[in-house]
Structure formats: structure tokens, C-alpha cells
Amino acid sequence: MKPHEKERLQKIADEIVQTIIKKDEAYGSSWKSHGGYSAFFNLDRKYSRVEAGAEQFQFDLFKATIELEEGRDSLEDLIAYALLTLMETYTVPMQMPDRLHAILDLDQSGEPGPDYVDQDKEG
């Protein structure tokens, strides 16, 4: 990956995370209102939209994402739901790769480390 592609990827990821945070402020955790079932069906719904759009362009996802007004939004929503699902599953220590313990400031038991700040309990 070229340096400018890395920067673009980071910018896109940051924008998706910011959108997730804004939507969480507006809608809360409704995406998982029925647990993993809700998460699955939200992912499925967004995948179906991405698939339907791609089908219009003989499954050329690049072209569909560029040409369709809702193409990019549906793809970003799919990524957002995937990130939220990963975040939720990483709260289970046995399923979390070791490298993420450091990123999320968790000790090996899965408990927050001394520098962890629970945003829900602050303010």
C-alpha cells in the first residue's frame, strides 16, 4: 500500500467511526436491541442493499459505489455495523486477539487497565 493510500484509508476509517459516534448519540444501541440477532439482521440488510446496487452494474462494486447515490452510504453503513459487531464481541476476553488487549488498554483477564476511562460513566 502506498503512503497516500494509507492516509486515505485512515481518513475514511476515522470518518466512519465519527459517524458511528454521532449515530450512537442519536439512536443509542438500537442496532443491538435484540442482541446478536439484531446485529446480524442489520448487517444482512446493509449487505443486501450493497448487493442490489452492485447487481445493477454486473457486480462491479467499484462502479456501483461511485455511480449510485446510496452506494457509498450503504457500504459505509455495512462497515459501521461490522465495526460495532467486532467491538461488541471484543468485550469477551477469550475471543479477543492479544494484540487488541494493548489497544483497548485491557489486562489479560479482559478487565480495563489503570488508565481506562469509561466514557458512559464520565460526565
N, C-alpha and C. Protein backbone atom coordinates (compact mmCIF):
# COMPACT_ATOMS: atom_id res chain seq x y z
N MET A 1 0.85 -1.17 0.00
CA MET A 1 0.00 0.00 0.00
C MET A 1 0.90 1.24 0.00
N LYS A 2 0.57 2.16 -0.85
CA LYS A 2 1.34 3.39 -0.96
C LYS A 2 0.99 4.34 0.19
N PRO A 3 1.92 5.24 0.54
CA PRO A 3 1.65 6.16 1.66
C PRO A 3 0.36 6.95 1.52
N HIS A 4 0.06 7.46 0.32
CA HIS A 4 -1.16 8.24 0.16
C HIS A 4 -2.41 7.36 0.32
N GLU A 5 -2.29 6.08 -0.01
CA GLU A 5 -3.42 5.17 0.18
C GLU A 5 -3.63 4.89 1.67
N LYS A 6 -2.54 4.78 2.41
CA LYS A 6 -2.65 4.59 3.86
C LYS A 6 -3.34 5.77 4.50
N GLU A 7 -2.96 6.97 4.08
CA GLU A 7 -3.58 8.18 4.63
C GLU A 7 -5.07 8.25 4.28
N ARG A 8 -5.40 7.89 3.05
CA ARG A 8 -6.81 7.91 2.61
C ARG A 8 -7.61 6.88 3.40
N LEU A 9 -7.03 5.69 3.59
CA LEU A 9 -7.71 4.64 4.35
C LEU A 9 -7.97 5.09 5.78
N GLN A 10 -6.97 5.71 6.40
CA GLN A 10 -7.12 6.19 7.78
C GLN A 10 -8.21 7.27 7.86
N LYS A 11 -8.24 8.16 6.87
CA LYS A 11 -9.25 9.22 6.85
C LYS A 11 -10.66 8.63 6.72
N ILE A 12 -10.81 7.65 5.85
CA ILE A 12 -12.11 7.00 5.68
C ILE A 12 -12.54 6.30 6.96
N ALA A 13 -11.60 5.57 7.57
CA ALA A 13 -11.90 4.86 8.82
C ALA A 13 -12.29 5.85 9.91
N ASP A 14 -11.56 6.94 10.02
CA ASP A 14 -11.87 7.96 11.03
C ASP A 14 -13.26 8.55 10.80
N GLU A 15 -13.61 8.81 9.56
CA GLU A 15 -14.93 9.37 9.24
C GLU A 15 -16.04 8.39 9.60
N ILE A 16 -15.83 7.11 9.32
CA ILE A 16 -16.85 6.10 9.66
C ILE A 16 -17.01 6.01 11.17
N VAL A 17 -15.92 6.03 11.91
CA VAL A 17 -16.00 5.98 13.37
C VAL A 17 -16.72 7.21 13.90
N GLN A 18 -16.44 8.39 13.36
CA GLN A 18 -17.13 9.61 13.80
C GLN A 18 -18.63 9.52 13.51
N THR A 19 -18.99 8.94 12.38
CA THR A 19 -20.41 8.76 12.05
C THR A 19 -21.06 7.80 13.04
N ILE A 20 -20.36 6.72 13.41
CA ILE A 20 -20.89 5.78 14.39
C ILE A 20 -21.16 6.51 15.71
N ILE A 21 -20.22 7.32 16.13
CA ILE A 21 -20.36 8.04 17.40
C ILE A 21 -21.55 9.00 17.35
N LYS A 22 -21.71 9.73 16.25
CA LYS A 22 -22.85 10.65 16.11
C LYS A 22 -24.17 9.89 16.12
N LYS A 23 -24.22 8.77 15.40
CA LYS A 23 -25.46 7.99 15.35
C LYS A 23 -25.77 7.38 16.71
N ASP A 24 -24.73 7.00 17.45
CA ASP A 24 -24.95 6.45 18.79
C ASP A 24 -25.57 7.50 19.70
N GLU A 25 -25.13 8.74 19.55
CA GLU A 25 -25.71 9.83 20.36
C GLU A 25 -27.19 10.01 20.03
N ALA A 26 -27.55 9.80 18.77
CA ALA A 26 -28.93 10.00 18.34
C ALA A 26 -29.81 8.77 18.60
N TYR A 27 -29.27 7.57 18.35
CA TYR A 27 -30.08 6.35 18.40
C TYR A 27 -29.71 5.38 19.51
N GLY A 28 -28.62 5.63 20.20
CA GLY A 28 -28.19 4.70 21.24
C GLY A 28 -27.76 3.36 20.64
N SER A 29 -28.02 2.32 21.37
CA SER A 29 -27.60 0.98 20.95
C SER A 29 -28.72 0.21 20.26
N SER A 30 -29.56 0.89 19.54
CA SER A 30 -30.69 0.22 18.89
C SER A 30 -30.24 -0.84 17.89
N TRP A 31 -29.02 -0.70 17.36
CA TRP A 31 -28.50 -1.68 16.40
C TRP A 31 -28.38 -3.07 17.00
N LYS A 32 -28.33 -3.15 18.33
CA LYS A 32 -28.20 -4.45 19.00
C LYS A 32 -29.33 -4.66 20.00
N SER A 33 -30.49 -4.08 19.72
CA SER A 33 -31.61 -4.12 20.66
C SER A 33 -32.06 -5.54 20.99
N HIS A 34 -31.84 -6.48 20.10
CA HIS A 34 -32.18 -7.88 20.35
C HIS A 34 -30.92 -8.74 20.30
N GLY A 35 -29.83 -8.17 20.76
CA GLY A 35 -28.57 -8.91 20.83
C GLY A 35 -27.98 -9.19 19.46
N GLY A 36 -27.33 -10.33 19.37
CA GLY A 36 -26.65 -10.73 18.15
C GLY A 36 -27.59 -10.88 16.96
N TYR A 37 -28.86 -11.16 17.24
CA TYR A 37 -29.83 -11.27 16.15
C TYR A 37 -29.99 -9.93 15.43
N SER A 38 -30.14 -8.87 16.21
CA SER A 38 -30.26 -7.54 15.61
C SER A 38 -29.01 -7.20 14.82
N ALA A 39 -27.85 -7.49 15.40
CA ALA A 39 -26.59 -7.20 14.71
C ALA A 39 -26.55 -7.94 13.37
N PHE A 40 -26.92 -9.21 13.39
CA PHE A 40 -26.90 -10.00 12.15
C PHE A 40 -27.84 -9.40 11.11
N PHE A 41 -29.05 -9.10 11.50
CA PHE A 41 -30.02 -8.61 10.53
C PHE A 41 -29.71 -7.20 10.03
N ASN A 42 -29.08 -6.38 10.86
CA ASN A 42 -28.62 -5.08 10.38
C ASN A 42 -27.52 -5.25 9.34
N LEU A 43 -26.57 -6.15 9.61
CA LEU A 43 -25.52 -6.43 8.63
C LEU A 43 -26.13 -6.99 7.33
N ASP A 44 -27.06 -7.92 7.49
CA ASP A 44 -27.70 -8.54 6.32
C ASP A 44 -28.45 -7.51 5.48
N ARG A 45 -29.16 -6.62 6.16
CA ARG A 45 -29.94 -5.58 5.46
C ARG A 45 -29.02 -4.68 4.64
N LYS A 46 -27.91 -4.27 5.24
CA LYS A 46 -26.97 -3.40 4.52
C LYS A 46 -26.26 -4.17 3.41
N TYR A 47 -25.91 -5.43 3.67
CA TYR A 47 -25.28 -6.23 2.61
C TYR A 47 -26.23 -6.38 1.42
N SER A 48 -27.51 -6.61 1.71
CA SER A 48 -28.49 -6.76 0.63
C SER A 48 -28.58 -5.49 -0.22
N ARG A 49 -28.48 -4.33 0.42
CA ARG A 49 -28.50 -3.07 -0.34
C ARG A 49 -27.25 -2.93 -1.20
N VAL A 50 -26.10 -3.28 -0.63
CA VAL A 50 -24.85 -3.22 -1.40
C VAL A 50 -24.93 -4.20 -2.57
N GLU A 51 -25.41 -5.40 -2.31
CA GLU A 51 -25.52 -6.42 -3.36
C GLU A 51 -26.48 -5.98 -4.47
N ALA A 52 -27.63 -5.42 -4.09
CA ALA A 52 -28.61 -4.97 -5.08
C ALA A 52 -28.02 -3.86 -5.95
N GLY A 53 -27.29 -2.96 -5.33
CA GLY A 53 -26.65 -1.89 -6.11
C GLY A 53 -25.60 -2.44 -7.05
N ALA A 54 -24.79 -3.35 -6.56
CA ALA A 54 -23.73 -3.94 -7.39
C ALA A 54 -24.32 -4.73 -8.56
N GLU A 55 -25.43 -5.38 -8.32
CA GLU A 55 -26.07 -6.17 -9.37
C GLU A 55 -26.45 -5.29 -10.57
N GLN A 56 -26.81 -4.05 -10.32
CA GLN A 56 -27.16 -3.14 -11.40
C GLN A 56 -25.97 -2.85 -12.32
N PHE A 57 -24.78 -3.12 -11.82
CA PHE A 57 -23.55 -2.87 -12.58
C PHE A 57 -22.76 -4.17 -12.78
N GLN A 58 -23.50 -5.26 -12.97
CA GLN A 58 -22.91 -6.57 -13.19
C GLN A 58 -21.90 -6.91 -12.08
N PHE A 59 -22.23 -6.53 -10.88
CA PHE A 59 -21.46 -6.78 -9.66
C PHE A 59 -20.10 -6.10 -9.65
N ASP A 60 -19.97 -5.02 -10.41
CA ASP A 60 -18.78 -4.18 -10.31
C ASP A 60 -19.02 -3.23 -9.14
N LEU A 61 -18.53 -3.62 -7.97
CA LEU A 61 -18.80 -2.87 -6.75
C LEU A 61 -18.18 -1.48 -6.78
N PHE A 62 -17.02 -1.34 -7.42
CA PHE A 62 -16.40 -0.02 -7.51
C PHE A 62 -17.32 0.93 -8.27
N LYS A 63 -17.80 0.49 -9.42
CA LYS A 63 -18.65 1.34 -10.25
C LYS A 63 -19.98 1.64 -9.54
N ALA A 64 -20.56 0.62 -8.92
CA ALA A 64 -21.83 0.81 -8.22
C ALA A 64 -21.69 1.81 -7.08
N THR A 65 -20.58 1.72 -6.35
CA THR A 65 -20.36 2.61 -5.22
C THR A 65 -20.20 4.05 -5.68
N ILE A 66 -19.56 4.23 -6.83
CA ILE A 66 -19.35 5.57 -7.37
C ILE A 66 -20.63 6.12 -8.02
N GLU A 67 -21.30 5.30 -8.79
CA GLU A 67 -22.44 5.75 -9.60
C GLU A 67 -23.74 5.93 -8.83
N LEU A 68 -23.99 5.08 -7.86
CA LEU A 68 -25.25 5.15 -7.15
C LEU A 68 -25.16 6.11 -5.97
N GLU A 69 -26.17 6.95 -5.85
CA GLU A 69 -26.18 7.93 -4.76
C GLU A 69 -26.09 7.26 -3.40
N GLU A 70 -26.82 6.15 -3.22
CA GLU A 70 -26.82 5.45 -1.93
C GLU A 70 -25.73 4.39 -1.84
N GLY A 71 -24.96 4.22 -2.91
CA GLY A 71 -23.93 3.17 -2.94
C GLY A 71 -22.89 3.31 -1.85
N ARG A 72 -22.31 4.46 -1.75
CA ARG A 72 -21.27 4.69 -0.74
C ARG A 72 -21.86 4.65 0.66
N ASP A 73 -23.04 5.24 0.84
CA ASP A 73 -23.68 5.23 2.16
C ASP A 73 -23.95 3.81 2.64
N SER A 74 -24.47 2.97 1.76
CA SER A 74 -24.77 1.59 2.14
C SER A 74 -23.49 0.83 2.50
N LEU A 75 -22.44 1.04 1.74
CA LEU A 75 -21.17 0.38 2.03
C LEU A 75 -20.59 0.88 3.35
N GLU A 76 -20.65 2.18 3.59
CA GLU A 76 -20.17 2.73 4.87
C GLU A 76 -20.99 2.21 6.04
N ASP A 77 -22.31 2.11 5.86
CA ASP A 77 -23.17 1.56 6.92
C ASP A 77 -22.82 0.10 7.21
N LEU A 78 -22.57 -0.67 6.17
CA LEU A 78 -22.19 -2.07 6.34
C LEU A 78 -20.89 -2.17 7.15
N ILE A 79 -19.92 -1.34 6.81
CA ILE A 79 -18.66 -1.32 7.55
C ILE A 79 -18.90 -0.90 9.00
N ALA A 80 -19.75 0.10 9.20
CA ALA A 80 -20.05 0.57 10.56
C ALA A 80 -20.65 -0.54 11.40
N TYR A 81 -21.64 -1.26 10.86
CA TYR A 81 -22.25 -2.36 11.61
C TYR A 81 -21.23 -3.46 11.88
N ALA A 82 -20.35 -3.71 10.93
CA ALA A 82 -19.31 -4.72 11.15
C ALA A 82 -18.37 -4.28 12.27
N LEU A 83 -17.98 -3.01 12.28
CA LEU A 83 -17.12 -2.50 13.36
C LEU A 83 -17.81 -2.57 14.71
N LEU A 84 -19.07 -2.19 14.75
CA LEU A 84 -19.81 -2.27 16.01
C LEU A 84 -19.90 -3.70 16.51
N THR A 85 -20.14 -4.63 15.60
CA THR A 85 -20.22 -6.05 15.98
C THR A 85 -18.88 -6.54 16.51
N LEU A 86 -17.80 -6.17 15.84
CA LEU A 86 -16.47 -6.55 16.33
C LEU A 86 -16.21 -5.95 17.71
N MET A 87 -16.55 -4.68 17.87
CA MET A 87 -16.36 -4.02 19.16
C MET A 87 -17.11 -4.78 20.26
N GLU A 88 -18.34 -5.15 19.98
CA GLU A 88 -19.15 -5.86 20.97
C GLU A 88 -18.55 -7.22 21.31
N THR A 89 -18.06 -7.94 20.32
CA THR A 89 -17.51 -9.27 20.58
C THR A 89 -16.15 -9.18 21.25
N TYR A 90 -15.42 -8.09 21.06
CA TYR A 90 -14.12 -7.95 21.72
C TYR A 90 -14.25 -7.67 23.20
N THR A 91 -15.47 -7.48 23.71
CA THR A 91 -15.65 -7.33 25.14
C THR A 91 -15.55 -8.68 25.84
N VAL A 92 -15.53 -9.76 25.06
CA VAL A 92 -15.39 -11.11 25.61
C VAL A 92 -13.91 -11.47 25.52
N PRO A 93 -13.19 -11.52 26.65
CA PRO A 93 -11.73 -11.71 26.63
C PRO A 93 -11.26 -12.93 25.86
N MET A 94 -11.96 -14.04 25.94
CA MET A 94 -11.49 -15.26 25.28
C MET A 94 -11.49 -15.12 23.76
N GLN A 95 -12.29 -14.24 23.23
CA GLN A 95 -12.39 -14.09 21.79
C GLN A 95 -11.51 -12.97 21.26
N MET A 96 -10.87 -12.24 22.15
CA MET A 96 -10.13 -11.06 21.73
C MET A 96 -8.67 -11.42 21.46
N PRO A 97 -8.17 -11.11 20.26
CA PRO A 97 -6.75 -11.34 20.00
C PRO A 97 -5.88 -10.55 20.97
N ASP A 98 -4.76 -11.14 21.37
CA ASP A 98 -3.86 -10.49 22.34
C ASP A 98 -3.49 -9.07 21.94
N ARG A 99 -3.27 -8.83 20.66
CA ARG A 99 -2.84 -7.50 20.22
C ARG A 99 -3.87 -6.43 20.56
N LEU A 100 -5.14 -6.83 20.69
CA LEU A 100 -6.18 -5.85 20.99
C LEU A 100 -6.25 -5.51 22.47
N HIS A 101 -5.73 -6.40 23.33
CA HIS A 101 -5.71 -6.06 24.75
C HIS A 101 -4.95 -4.76 24.97
N ALA A 102 -3.81 -4.62 24.29
CA ALA A 102 -3.00 -3.40 24.44
C ALA A 102 -3.71 -2.20 23.84
N ILE A 103 -4.31 -2.38 22.68
CA ILE A 103 -5.00 -1.28 22.01
C ILE A 103 -6.16 -0.77 22.88
N LEU A 104 -6.89 -1.68 23.47
CA LEU A 104 -8.07 -1.31 24.27
C LEU A 104 -7.75 -1.09 25.74
N ASP A 105 -6.45 -1.17 26.09
CA ASP A 105 -5.99 -0.97 27.46
C ASP A 105 -6.67 -1.96 28.41
N LEU A 106 -6.68 -3.24 28.02
CA LEU A 106 -7.23 -4.28 28.87
C LEU A 106 -6.10 -5.16 29.38
N ASP A 107 -6.24 -5.66 30.61
CA ASP A 107 -5.25 -6.62 31.06
C ASP A 107 -5.65 -7.99 30.52
N GLN A 108 -4.90 -9.02 30.82
CA GLN A 108 -5.16 -10.35 30.23
C GLN A 108 -6.48 -10.96 30.67
N SER A 109 -7.07 -10.48 31.77
CA SER A 109 -8.37 -11.00 32.20
C SER A 109 -9.51 -10.36 31.42
N GLY A 110 -9.17 -9.33 30.63
CA GLY A 110 -10.21 -8.62 29.90
C GLY A 110 -10.74 -7.42 30.65
N GLU A 111 -10.20 -7.16 31.84
CA GLU A 111 -10.62 -6.01 32.63
C GLU A 111 -9.85 -4.77 32.19
N PRO A 112 -10.47 -3.61 32.26
CA PRO A 112 -9.77 -2.38 31.89
C PRO A 112 -8.54 -2.15 32.74
N GLY A 113 -7.51 -1.61 32.11
CA GLY A 113 -6.28 -1.29 32.81
C GLY A 113 -6.44 -0.02 33.63
N PRO A 114 -5.40 0.42 34.34
CA PRO A 114 -5.50 1.57 35.23
C PRO A 114 -5.78 2.89 34.53
N ASP A 115 -5.46 2.99 33.24
CA ASP A 115 -5.67 4.25 32.52
C ASP A 115 -6.99 4.30 31.78
N TYR A 116 -7.79 3.24 31.87
CA TYR A 116 -9.06 3.16 31.14
C TYR A 116 -10.06 4.14 31.74
N VAL A 117 -10.78 4.85 30.86
CA VAL A 117 -11.82 5.78 31.29
C VAL A 117 -13.11 5.33 30.64
N ASP A 118 -14.10 5.00 31.46
CA ASP A 118 -15.41 4.58 30.97
C ASP A 118 -16.19 5.82 30.56
N GLN A 119 -16.34 6.03 29.27
CA GLN A 119 -16.99 7.22 28.75
C GLN A 119 -18.46 7.30 29.18
N ASP A 120 -19.11 6.15 29.37
CA ASP A 120 -20.51 6.15 29.79
C ASP A 120 -20.69 6.66 31.22
N LYS A 121 -19.66 6.48 32.06
CA LYS A 121 -19.77 6.89 33.46
C LYS A 121 -19.22 8.27 33.70
N GLU A 122 -18.50 8.82 32.70
CA GLU A 122 -17.94 10.16 32.84
C GLU A 122 -18.98 11.20 32.47
N GLY A 123 -18.95 12.30 33.17
CA GLY A 123 -19.78 13.45 32.80
C GLY A 123 -21.19 13.16 32.93
